[in-house]
Amino acid sequence: MPHVVLTGTESTYKTRLCEALSEWLTIRTVPEYAREYMRENELDVTGLNEAVFTTIATGQIEQQRSNGYFDVQADSVLFDTDGITLAVWAADKFQPAAEEFSSVPEHLHYLLCAPTNRAYEDPLREDLTRRIELHQRYVDMLDAVNASYTILNEVEFENRLLEAKSALKSWGFTPRD
């Protein structure tokens, strides 16, 4: 079975969707590494530099590997972001993205969360006013690597969740009873 990755700009319901879809499908979810790392190390966006980014990127890629991201035989997993986020982040803030970040296995499907909803601030977000611009970078990146994806445009969370469920059903996912 394929894996599913929720991706997109800040404050677009990715984590909430990942949790709700995990419960609906009864499959495992892998959290966003950057957010966990920054919380554990008491960092906010002002503490980000290239060295911190490199540490986060290394942790994210290792977390993907250890959770079967590259394994076509592994049970399906929901990933709350992946290397595409690293690629967009690196290109925007530091350097051209390393190819490792945008290496997308063919057995992945992306749910790209569009910035159509209201943005909510928190100390780990810094580009809430640039969400439309950054969303286009995600589209461009996913197109460049020929990834399978669906853009989730619904404004309200519950409607976006229904939109995500519909996409997953079209890919052959069914909830477990």
N, C-alpha and C. Protein backbone atom coordinates (compact mmCIF):
# COMPACT_ATOMS: atom_id res chain seq x y z
N MET A 1 0.84 -1.19 0.00
CA MET A 1 0.00 0.00 0.00
C MET A 1 0.88 1.24 0.00
N PRO A 2 0.37 2.30 -0.57
CA PRO A 2 1.16 3.54 -0.60
C PRO A 2 1.14 4.26 0.74
N HIS A 3 2.11 5.16 0.88
CA HIS A 3 2.12 6.08 2.02
C HIS A 3 1.45 7.37 1.57
N VAL A 4 1.00 8.15 2.55
CA VAL A 4 0.40 9.45 2.29
C VAL A 4 1.19 10.49 3.05
N VAL A 5 1.47 11.61 2.38
CA VAL A 5 2.19 12.72 2.99
C VAL A 5 1.29 13.94 2.96
N LEU A 6 1.12 14.57 4.11
CA LEU A 6 0.44 15.85 4.16
C LEU A 6 1.52 16.92 4.08
N THR A 7 1.36 17.84 3.16
CA THR A 7 2.37 18.86 2.96
C THR A 7 1.70 20.18 2.64
N GLY A 8 2.48 21.24 2.67
CA GLY A 8 1.96 22.57 2.36
C GLY A 8 2.52 23.60 3.32
N THR A 9 2.05 24.81 3.13
CA THR A 9 2.56 25.93 3.92
C THR A 9 2.09 25.85 5.37
N GLU A 10 2.56 26.77 6.13
CA GLU A 10 2.21 26.84 7.55
C GLU A 10 0.71 27.07 7.73
N SER A 11 0.19 26.53 8.82
CA SER A 11 -1.17 26.80 9.27
C SER A 11 -2.22 26.45 8.21
N THR A 12 -2.14 25.22 7.70
CA THR A 12 -3.13 24.76 6.71
C THR A 12 -3.77 23.44 7.14
N TYR A 13 -3.80 23.16 8.42
CA TYR A 13 -4.46 21.98 9.00
C TYR A 13 -3.70 20.67 8.81
N LYS A 14 -2.45 20.69 8.41
CA LYS A 14 -1.74 19.44 8.11
C LYS A 14 -1.74 18.47 9.30
N THR A 15 -1.35 18.94 10.46
CA THR A 15 -1.23 18.05 11.62
C THR A 15 -2.61 17.54 12.06
N ARG A 16 -3.59 18.42 12.11
CA ARG A 16 -4.95 18.00 12.49
C ARG A 16 -5.49 16.98 11.50
N LEU A 17 -5.26 17.21 10.21
CA LEU A 17 -5.71 16.26 9.20
C LEU A 17 -5.01 14.92 9.36
N CYS A 18 -3.71 14.97 9.59
CA CYS A 18 -2.94 13.74 9.75
C CYS A 18 -3.51 12.92 10.91
N GLU A 19 -3.78 13.56 12.02
CA GLU A 19 -4.32 12.86 13.19
C GLU A 19 -5.71 12.29 12.90
N ALA A 20 -6.58 13.09 12.27
CA ALA A 20 -7.94 12.64 11.98
C ALA A 20 -7.95 11.51 10.96
N LEU A 21 -7.11 11.60 9.95
CA LEU A 21 -7.04 10.55 8.93
C LEU A 21 -6.44 9.27 9.50
N SER A 22 -5.50 9.41 10.41
CA SER A 22 -4.90 8.25 11.06
C SER A 22 -5.97 7.49 11.85
N GLU A 23 -6.80 8.21 12.56
CA GLU A 23 -7.88 7.59 13.32
C GLU A 23 -8.90 6.94 12.38
N TRP A 24 -9.26 7.64 11.31
CA TRP A 24 -10.25 7.14 10.36
C TRP A 24 -9.78 5.86 9.66
N LEU A 25 -8.50 5.82 9.28
CA LEU A 25 -7.95 4.66 8.57
C LEU A 25 -7.32 3.62 9.49
N THR A 26 -7.15 3.99 10.76
CA THR A 26 -6.46 3.14 11.74
C THR A 26 -5.06 2.78 11.23
N ILE A 27 -4.34 3.81 10.81
CA ILE A 27 -2.94 3.61 10.42
C ILE A 27 -2.06 4.59 11.18
N ARG A 28 -0.80 4.24 11.24
CA ARG A 28 0.19 5.01 11.99
C ARG A 28 0.46 6.36 11.33
N THR A 29 0.81 7.33 12.16
CA THR A 29 1.22 8.64 11.66
C THR A 29 2.62 8.96 12.17
N VAL A 30 3.38 9.66 11.35
CA VAL A 30 4.72 10.10 11.72
C VAL A 30 4.68 11.62 11.81
N PRO A 31 4.97 12.18 12.98
CA PRO A 31 4.84 13.63 13.17
C PRO A 31 5.92 14.42 12.43
N GLU A 32 5.68 15.72 12.34
CA GLU A 32 6.64 16.64 11.72
C GLU A 32 7.88 16.73 12.61
N TYR A 33 9.02 16.37 12.08
CA TYR A 33 10.25 16.35 12.86
C TYR A 33 10.67 17.75 13.31
N ALA A 34 10.58 18.73 12.43
CA ALA A 34 11.05 20.08 12.75
C ALA A 34 10.34 20.65 13.98
N ARG A 35 9.05 20.49 14.03
CA ARG A 35 8.28 21.03 15.15
C ARG A 35 8.70 20.36 16.46
N GLU A 36 8.84 19.05 16.45
CA GLU A 36 9.28 18.34 17.66
C GLU A 36 10.68 18.78 18.08
N TYR A 37 11.58 18.88 17.12
CA TYR A 37 12.96 19.27 17.42
C TYR A 37 13.00 20.68 18.03
N MET A 38 12.27 21.60 17.42
CA MET A 38 12.29 22.97 17.91
C MET A 38 11.68 23.08 19.30
N ARG A 39 10.62 22.34 19.56
CA ARG A 39 10.02 22.35 20.90
C ARG A 39 10.98 21.76 21.94
N GLU A 40 11.56 20.61 21.62
CA GLU A 40 12.49 19.95 22.55
C GLU A 40 13.70 20.83 22.86
N ASN A 41 14.14 21.62 21.90
CA ASN A 41 15.32 22.46 22.07
C ASN A 41 14.97 23.91 22.37
N GLU A 42 13.68 24.14 22.66
CA GLU A 42 13.18 25.46 23.03
C GLU A 42 13.61 26.54 22.05
N LEU A 43 13.44 26.24 20.75
CA LEU A 43 13.76 27.19 19.69
C LEU A 43 12.48 27.79 19.13
N ASP A 44 12.57 29.01 18.67
CA ASP A 44 11.48 29.56 17.87
C ASP A 44 12.08 29.93 16.51
N VAL A 45 11.30 30.55 15.66
CA VAL A 45 11.79 30.81 14.31
C VAL A 45 12.98 31.75 14.27
N THR A 46 13.17 32.56 15.31
CA THR A 46 14.33 33.45 15.32
C THR A 46 15.62 32.68 15.55
N GLY A 47 15.51 31.46 16.07
CA GLY A 47 16.70 30.64 16.32
C GLY A 47 17.11 29.77 15.15
N LEU A 48 16.43 29.92 14.03
CA LEU A 48 16.76 29.09 12.87
C LEU A 48 17.92 29.66 12.08
N ASN A 49 18.88 28.81 11.84
CA ASN A 49 19.98 29.16 10.96
C ASN A 49 20.31 27.91 10.15
N GLU A 50 21.30 27.99 9.30
CA GLU A 50 21.59 26.86 8.42
C GLU A 50 22.03 25.62 9.20
N ALA A 51 22.75 25.81 10.30
CA ALA A 51 23.19 24.65 11.10
C ALA A 51 21.99 23.95 11.73
N VAL A 52 21.05 24.71 12.27
CA VAL A 52 19.84 24.12 12.85
C VAL A 52 19.03 23.44 11.75
N PHE A 53 18.92 24.09 10.60
CA PHE A 53 18.20 23.48 9.48
C PHE A 53 18.83 22.14 9.10
N THR A 54 20.14 22.09 9.01
CA THR A 54 20.83 20.85 8.64
C THR A 54 20.55 19.74 9.65
N THR A 55 20.54 20.08 10.93
CA THR A 55 20.22 19.10 11.97
C THR A 55 18.79 18.60 11.80
N ILE A 56 17.86 19.52 11.57
CA ILE A 56 16.46 19.14 11.36
C ILE A 56 16.32 18.28 10.12
N ALA A 57 16.96 18.67 9.03
CA ALA A 57 16.87 17.91 7.78
C ALA A 57 17.40 16.49 7.96
N THR A 58 18.52 16.36 8.64
CA THR A 58 19.09 15.03 8.89
C THR A 58 18.12 14.19 9.71
N GLY A 59 17.54 14.78 10.74
CA GLY A 59 16.56 14.07 11.57
C GLY A 59 15.31 13.69 10.79
N GLN A 60 14.83 14.60 9.94
CA GLN A 60 13.63 14.32 9.14
C GLN A 60 13.87 13.14 8.20
N ILE A 61 14.99 13.17 7.47
CA ILE A 61 15.30 12.10 6.52
C ILE A 61 15.46 10.76 7.25
N GLU A 62 16.13 10.78 8.39
CA GLU A 62 16.29 9.54 9.16
C GLU A 62 14.94 9.04 9.68
N GLN A 63 14.10 9.95 10.13
CA GLN A 63 12.77 9.57 10.60
C GLN A 63 11.97 8.94 9.46
N GLN A 64 12.07 9.49 8.27
CA GLN A 64 11.39 8.91 7.11
C GLN A 64 11.90 7.49 6.85
N ARG A 65 13.22 7.33 6.82
CA ARG A 65 13.81 6.01 6.57
C ARG A 65 13.35 4.99 7.61
N SER A 66 13.41 5.37 8.87
CA SER A 66 13.10 4.43 9.95
C SER A 66 11.61 4.09 10.04
N ASN A 67 10.78 4.84 9.33
CA ASN A 67 9.34 4.57 9.34
C ASN A 67 8.83 4.04 8.00
N GLY A 68 9.74 3.50 7.19
CA GLY A 68 9.34 2.82 5.97
C GLY A 68 8.98 3.69 4.79
N TYR A 69 9.35 4.96 4.84
CA TYR A 69 9.01 5.91 3.78
C TYR A 69 9.45 5.42 2.40
N PHE A 70 10.63 4.85 2.31
CA PHE A 70 11.18 4.41 1.03
C PHE A 70 10.84 2.96 0.70
N ASP A 71 10.13 2.27 1.60
CA ASP A 71 9.85 0.84 1.46
C ASP A 71 8.46 0.61 0.87
N VAL A 72 8.42 0.19 -0.37
CA VAL A 72 7.15 -0.04 -1.07
C VAL A 72 6.35 -1.19 -0.44
N GLN A 73 7.02 -2.07 0.29
CA GLN A 73 6.35 -3.21 0.92
C GLN A 73 5.81 -2.89 2.32
N ALA A 74 6.19 -1.76 2.87
CA ALA A 74 5.78 -1.41 4.24
C ALA A 74 4.28 -1.10 4.29
N ASP A 75 3.69 -1.32 5.46
CA ASP A 75 2.30 -0.92 5.67
C ASP A 75 2.17 0.58 5.46
N SER A 76 1.01 1.01 5.02
CA SER A 76 0.78 2.44 4.79
C SER A 76 0.97 3.24 6.07
N VAL A 77 1.55 4.42 5.89
CA VAL A 77 1.80 5.34 6.99
C VAL A 77 1.41 6.74 6.52
N LEU A 78 0.92 7.56 7.43
CA LEU A 78 0.66 8.97 7.16
C LEU A 78 1.84 9.78 7.68
N PHE A 79 2.46 10.55 6.81
CA PHE A 79 3.58 11.39 7.20
C PHE A 79 3.12 12.84 7.24
N ASP A 80 3.34 13.49 8.38
CA ASP A 80 3.04 14.92 8.55
C ASP A 80 4.28 15.68 8.07
N THR A 81 4.35 15.88 6.79
CA THR A 81 5.45 16.49 6.02
C THR A 81 6.55 15.48 5.70
N ASP A 82 7.41 15.88 4.76
CA ASP A 82 8.53 15.03 4.35
C ASP A 82 9.62 15.90 3.73
N GLY A 83 10.44 15.31 2.91
CA GLY A 83 11.56 16.04 2.30
C GLY A 83 11.15 17.16 1.37
N ILE A 84 9.94 17.11 0.82
CA ILE A 84 9.48 18.21 -0.04
C ILE A 84 9.43 19.50 0.77
N THR A 85 8.98 19.41 2.01
CA THR A 85 8.98 20.58 2.89
C THR A 85 10.40 21.09 3.10
N LEU A 86 11.33 20.16 3.32
CA LEU A 86 12.74 20.55 3.47
C LEU A 86 13.25 21.25 2.22
N ALA A 87 12.89 20.73 1.05
CA ALA A 87 13.36 21.31 -0.21
C ALA A 87 12.84 22.73 -0.38
N VAL A 88 11.55 22.94 -0.11
CA VAL A 88 10.98 24.28 -0.23
C VAL A 88 11.61 25.21 0.80
N TRP A 89 11.77 24.73 2.02
CA TRP A 89 12.35 25.52 3.10
C TRP A 89 13.79 25.90 2.78
N ALA A 90 14.59 24.94 2.37
CA ALA A 90 15.99 25.20 2.05
C ALA A 90 16.12 26.21 0.91
N ALA A 91 15.36 26.02 -0.15
CA ALA A 91 15.44 26.93 -1.29
C ALA A 91 15.01 28.34 -0.92
N ASP A 92 14.06 28.45 -0.01
CA ASP A 92 13.55 29.75 0.40
C ASP A 92 14.49 30.47 1.36
N LYS A 93 15.13 29.73 2.24
CA LYS A 93 15.89 30.36 3.32
C LYS A 93 17.41 30.29 3.19
N PHE A 94 17.92 29.22 2.60
CA PHE A 94 19.36 29.00 2.72
C PHE A 94 20.09 28.72 1.43
N GLN A 95 19.69 27.73 0.70
CA GLN A 95 20.50 27.23 -0.41
C GLN A 95 19.60 26.44 -1.35
N PRO A 96 20.12 26.11 -2.51
CA PRO A 96 19.33 25.19 -3.34
C PRO A 96 19.12 23.88 -2.58
N ALA A 97 17.98 23.31 -2.78
CA ALA A 97 17.63 22.09 -2.06
C ALA A 97 18.49 20.91 -2.50
N ALA A 98 18.93 20.14 -1.54
CA ALA A 98 19.67 18.92 -1.84
C ALA A 98 18.72 17.93 -2.51
N GLU A 99 19.24 17.17 -3.45
CA GLU A 99 18.41 16.20 -4.17
C GLU A 99 17.77 15.19 -3.21
N GLU A 100 18.47 14.88 -2.12
CA GLU A 100 17.94 13.92 -1.15
C GLU A 100 16.58 14.36 -0.60
N PHE A 101 16.39 15.68 -0.46
CA PHE A 101 15.13 16.19 0.08
C PHE A 101 13.97 15.91 -0.86
N SER A 102 14.23 16.00 -2.14
CA SER A 102 13.14 15.87 -3.11
C SER A 102 13.11 14.52 -3.81
N SER A 103 13.74 13.53 -3.21
CA SER A 103 13.67 12.17 -3.73
C SER A 103 12.34 11.57 -3.28
N VAL A 104 11.43 11.41 -4.22
CA VAL A 104 10.07 10.98 -3.90
C VAL A 104 9.83 9.58 -4.45
N PRO A 105 9.65 8.60 -3.57
CA PRO A 105 9.31 7.26 -4.04
C PRO A 105 7.98 7.26 -4.80
N GLU A 106 7.85 6.36 -5.75
CA GLU A 106 6.63 6.32 -6.56
C GLU A 106 5.40 5.87 -5.79
N HIS A 107 5.58 5.25 -4.64
CA HIS A 107 4.42 4.75 -3.88
C HIS A 107 3.87 5.78 -2.89
N LEU A 108 4.19 7.05 -3.08
CA LEU A 108 3.67 8.11 -2.21
C LEU A 108 2.52 8.83 -2.90
N HIS A 109 1.59 9.27 -2.10
CA HIS A 109 0.54 10.18 -2.55
C HIS A 109 0.57 11.37 -1.60
N TYR A 110 0.46 12.56 -2.16
CA TYR A 110 0.50 13.79 -1.36
C TYR A 110 -0.88 14.41 -1.26
N LEU A 111 -1.17 14.92 -0.09
CA LEU A 111 -2.30 15.80 0.13
C LEU A 111 -1.68 17.17 0.39
N LEU A 112 -1.76 18.05 -0.60
CA LEU A 112 -1.18 19.38 -0.52
C LEU A 112 -2.25 20.34 0.00
N CYS A 113 -2.01 20.87 1.18
CA CYS A 113 -2.98 21.75 1.84
C CYS A 113 -2.80 23.18 1.36
N ALA A 114 -3.81 23.70 0.67
CA ALA A 114 -3.76 25.07 0.14
C ALA A 114 -4.02 26.07 1.27
N PRO A 115 -3.44 27.27 1.15
CA PRO A 115 -3.61 28.29 2.19
C PRO A 115 -4.90 29.10 2.02
N THR A 116 -6.02 28.40 1.94
CA THR A 116 -7.31 29.07 1.77
C THR A 116 -7.98 29.38 3.11
N ASN A 117 -7.50 28.76 4.15
CA ASN A 117 -8.08 28.96 5.49
C ASN A 117 -7.38 30.12 6.20
N ARG A 118 -7.97 30.54 7.31
CA ARG A 118 -7.36 31.57 8.14
C ARG A 118 -6.08 31.02 8.77
N ALA A 119 -5.03 31.83 8.79
CA ALA A 119 -3.76 31.43 9.39
C ALA A 119 -3.77 31.74 10.88
N TYR A 120 -3.18 30.84 11.66
CA TYR A 120 -3.07 31.02 13.10
C TYR A 120 -1.61 31.10 13.49
N GLU A 121 -1.28 32.13 14.25
CA GLU A 121 0.11 32.33 14.66
C GLU A 121 0.49 31.38 15.78
N ASP A 122 1.76 31.01 15.78
CA ASP A 122 2.39 30.36 16.92
C ASP A 122 3.89 30.61 16.79
N PRO A 123 4.66 30.40 17.86
CA PRO A 123 6.08 30.76 17.83
C PRO A 123 6.91 29.99 16.81
N LEU A 124 6.38 28.92 16.24
CA LEU A 124 7.14 28.12 15.28
C LEU A 124 6.74 28.43 13.84
N ARG A 125 6.00 29.49 13.64
CA ARG A 125 5.60 29.90 12.29
C ARG A 125 6.17 31.28 12.00
N GLU A 126 6.65 31.45 10.75
CA GLU A 126 7.23 32.74 10.42
C GLU A 126 6.77 33.33 9.10
N ASP A 127 6.12 32.57 8.26
CA ASP A 127 5.78 33.05 6.92
C ASP A 127 4.29 33.05 6.64
N LEU A 128 3.50 33.43 7.62
CA LEU A 128 2.05 33.40 7.45
C LEU A 128 1.58 34.37 6.37
N THR A 129 2.32 35.44 6.13
CA THR A 129 1.92 36.42 5.11
C THR A 129 2.38 36.01 3.71
N ARG A 130 3.16 34.94 3.60
CA ARG A 130 3.70 34.49 2.31
C ARG A 130 3.14 33.13 1.90
N ARG A 131 2.05 32.73 2.49
CA ARG A 131 1.55 31.38 2.24
C ARG A 131 1.18 31.12 0.78
N ILE A 132 0.61 32.09 0.10
CA ILE A 132 0.23 31.87 -1.31
C ILE A 132 1.47 31.68 -2.17
N GLU A 133 2.47 32.52 -1.97
CA GLU A 133 3.73 32.39 -2.71
C GLU A 133 4.38 31.03 -2.43
N LEU A 134 4.45 30.65 -1.18
CA LEU A 134 5.08 29.37 -0.81
C LEU A 134 4.26 28.18 -1.30
N HIS A 135 2.94 28.31 -1.31
CA HIS A 135 2.10 27.23 -1.84
C HIS A 135 2.49 26.94 -3.30
N GLN A 136 2.70 27.99 -4.08
CA GLN A 136 3.07 27.78 -5.48
C GLN A 136 4.41 27.04 -5.58
N ARG A 137 5.30 27.29 -4.64
CA ARG A 137 6.58 26.57 -4.65
C ARG A 137 6.36 25.07 -4.39
N TYR A 138 5.42 24.75 -3.51
CA TYR A 138 5.09 23.34 -3.28
C TYR A 138 4.54 22.70 -4.56
N VAL A 139 3.63 23.40 -5.22
CA VAL A 139 3.06 22.89 -6.48
C VAL A 139 4.17 22.66 -7.49
N ASP A 140 5.05 23.66 -7.64
CA ASP A 140 6.15 23.55 -8.60
C ASP A 140 7.07 22.38 -8.26
N MET A 141 7.37 22.20 -6.98
CA MET A 141 8.26 21.12 -6.55
C MET A 141 7.61 19.76 -6.81
N LEU A 142 6.36 19.61 -6.43
CA LEU A 142 5.67 18.34 -6.65
C LEU A 142 5.56 18.02 -8.15
N ASP A 143 5.30 19.05 -8.95
CA ASP A 143 5.26 18.84 -10.40
C ASP A 143 6.64 18.44 -10.94
N ALA A 144 7.68 19.08 -10.43
CA ALA A 144 9.05 18.82 -10.91
C ALA A 144 9.48 17.38 -10.66
N VAL A 145 8.99 16.79 -9.57
CA VAL A 145 9.37 15.40 -9.25
C VAL A 145 8.29 14.41 -9.70
N ASN A 146 7.31 14.92 -10.44
CA ASN A 146 6.24 14.08 -10.99
C ASN A 146 5.50 13.29 -9.90
N ALA A 147 5.24 13.97 -8.78
CA ALA A 147 4.56 13.34 -7.65
C ALA A 147 3.05 13.26 -7.88
N SER A 148 2.44 12.26 -7.28
CA SER A 148 0.99 12.12 -7.28
C SER A 148 0.45 12.96 -6.12
N TYR A 149 -0.43 13.92 -6.43
CA TYR A 149 -0.95 14.76 -5.35
C TYR A 149 -2.34 15.28 -5.65
N THR A 150 -3.01 15.63 -4.57
CA THR A 150 -4.31 16.30 -4.62
C THR A 150 -4.19 17.56 -3.78
N ILE A 151 -4.68 18.66 -4.32
CA ILE A 151 -4.69 19.91 -3.56
C ILE A 151 -6.00 19.98 -2.78
N LEU A 152 -5.88 20.19 -1.49
CA LEU A 152 -7.04 20.34 -0.61
C LEU A 152 -7.32 21.84 -0.46
N ASN A 153 -8.46 22.30 -0.97
CA ASN A 153 -8.78 23.72 -1.01
C ASN A 153 -9.84 24.17 -0.02
N GLU A 154 -10.55 23.23 0.59
CA GLU A 154 -11.65 23.63 1.47
C GLU A 154 -11.16 24.53 2.60
N VAL A 155 -11.97 25.52 2.94
CA VAL A 155 -11.59 26.53 3.93
C VAL A 155 -11.73 26.01 5.36
N GLU A 156 -12.85 25.38 5.66
CA GLU A 156 -13.12 24.89 7.01
C GLU A 156 -12.50 23.50 7.20
N PHE A 157 -12.03 23.23 8.42
CA PHE A 157 -11.35 21.96 8.69
C PHE A 157 -12.21 20.75 8.33
N GLU A 158 -13.46 20.73 8.80
CA GLU A 158 -14.31 19.55 8.57
C GLU A 158 -14.50 19.28 7.09
N ASN A 159 -14.66 20.33 6.30
CA ASN A 159 -14.81 20.16 4.85
C ASN A 159 -13.50 19.71 4.21
N ARG A 160 -12.40 20.22 4.71
CA ARG A 160 -11.10 19.78 4.19
C ARG A 160 -10.85 18.31 4.52
N LEU A 161 -11.28 17.90 5.70
CA LEU A 161 -11.16 16.49 6.08
C LEU A 161 -11.98 15.61 5.13
N LEU A 162 -13.19 16.03 4.81
CA LEU A 162 -14.02 15.27 3.85
C LEU A 162 -13.34 15.22 2.48
N GLU A 163 -12.74 16.33 2.08
CA GLU A 163 -12.02 16.40 0.80
C GLU A 163 -10.84 15.42 0.81
N ALA A 164 -10.12 15.36 1.93
CA ALA A 164 -8.98 14.44 2.06
C ALA A 164 -9.46 12.99 2.03
N LYS A 165 -10.55 12.70 2.74
CA LYS A 165 -11.08 11.33 2.74
C LYS A 165 -11.49 10.91 1.33
N SER A 166 -12.09 11.81 0.59
CA SER A 166 -12.49 11.51 -0.78
C SER A 166 -11.27 11.20 -1.65
N ALA A 167 -10.21 11.98 -1.50
CA ALA A 167 -8.98 11.73 -2.25
C ALA A 167 -8.40 10.37 -1.88
N LEU A 168 -8.36 10.07 -0.60
CA LEU A 168 -7.80 8.79 -0.16
C LEU A 168 -8.64 7.61 -0.67
N LYS A 169 -9.94 7.76 -0.65
CA LYS A 169 -10.81 6.70 -1.19
C LYS A 169 -10.51 6.48 -2.68
N SER A 170 -10.28 7.57 -3.41
CA SER A 170 -9.99 7.44 -4.85
C SER A 170 -8.65 6.75 -5.09
N TRP A 171 -7.78 6.77 -4.09
CA TRP A 171 -6.48 6.08 -4.19
C TRP A 171 -6.55 4.65 -3.66
N GLY A 172 -7.74 4.23 -3.22
CA GLY A 172 -7.90 2.86 -2.76
C GLY A 172 -7.86 2.67 -1.26
N PHE A 173 -7.77 3.74 -0.50
CA PHE A 173 -7.80 3.63 0.96
C PHE A 173 -9.24 3.49 1.43
N THR A 174 -9.44 2.63 2.40
CA THR A 174 -10.77 2.48 3.00
C THR A 174 -10.60 2.43 4.51
N PRO A 175 -11.56 3.02 5.23
CA PRO A 175 -11.45 2.97 6.69
C PRO A 175 -11.60 1.55 7.18
N ARG A 176 -10.89 1.25 8.25
CA ARG A 176 -10.99 -0.08 8.87
C ARG A 176 -12.08 -0.04 9.92
N ASP A 177 -12.93 -1.03 9.92
CA ASP A 177 -14.02 -1.08 10.91
C ASP A 177 -13.61 -1.81 12.15
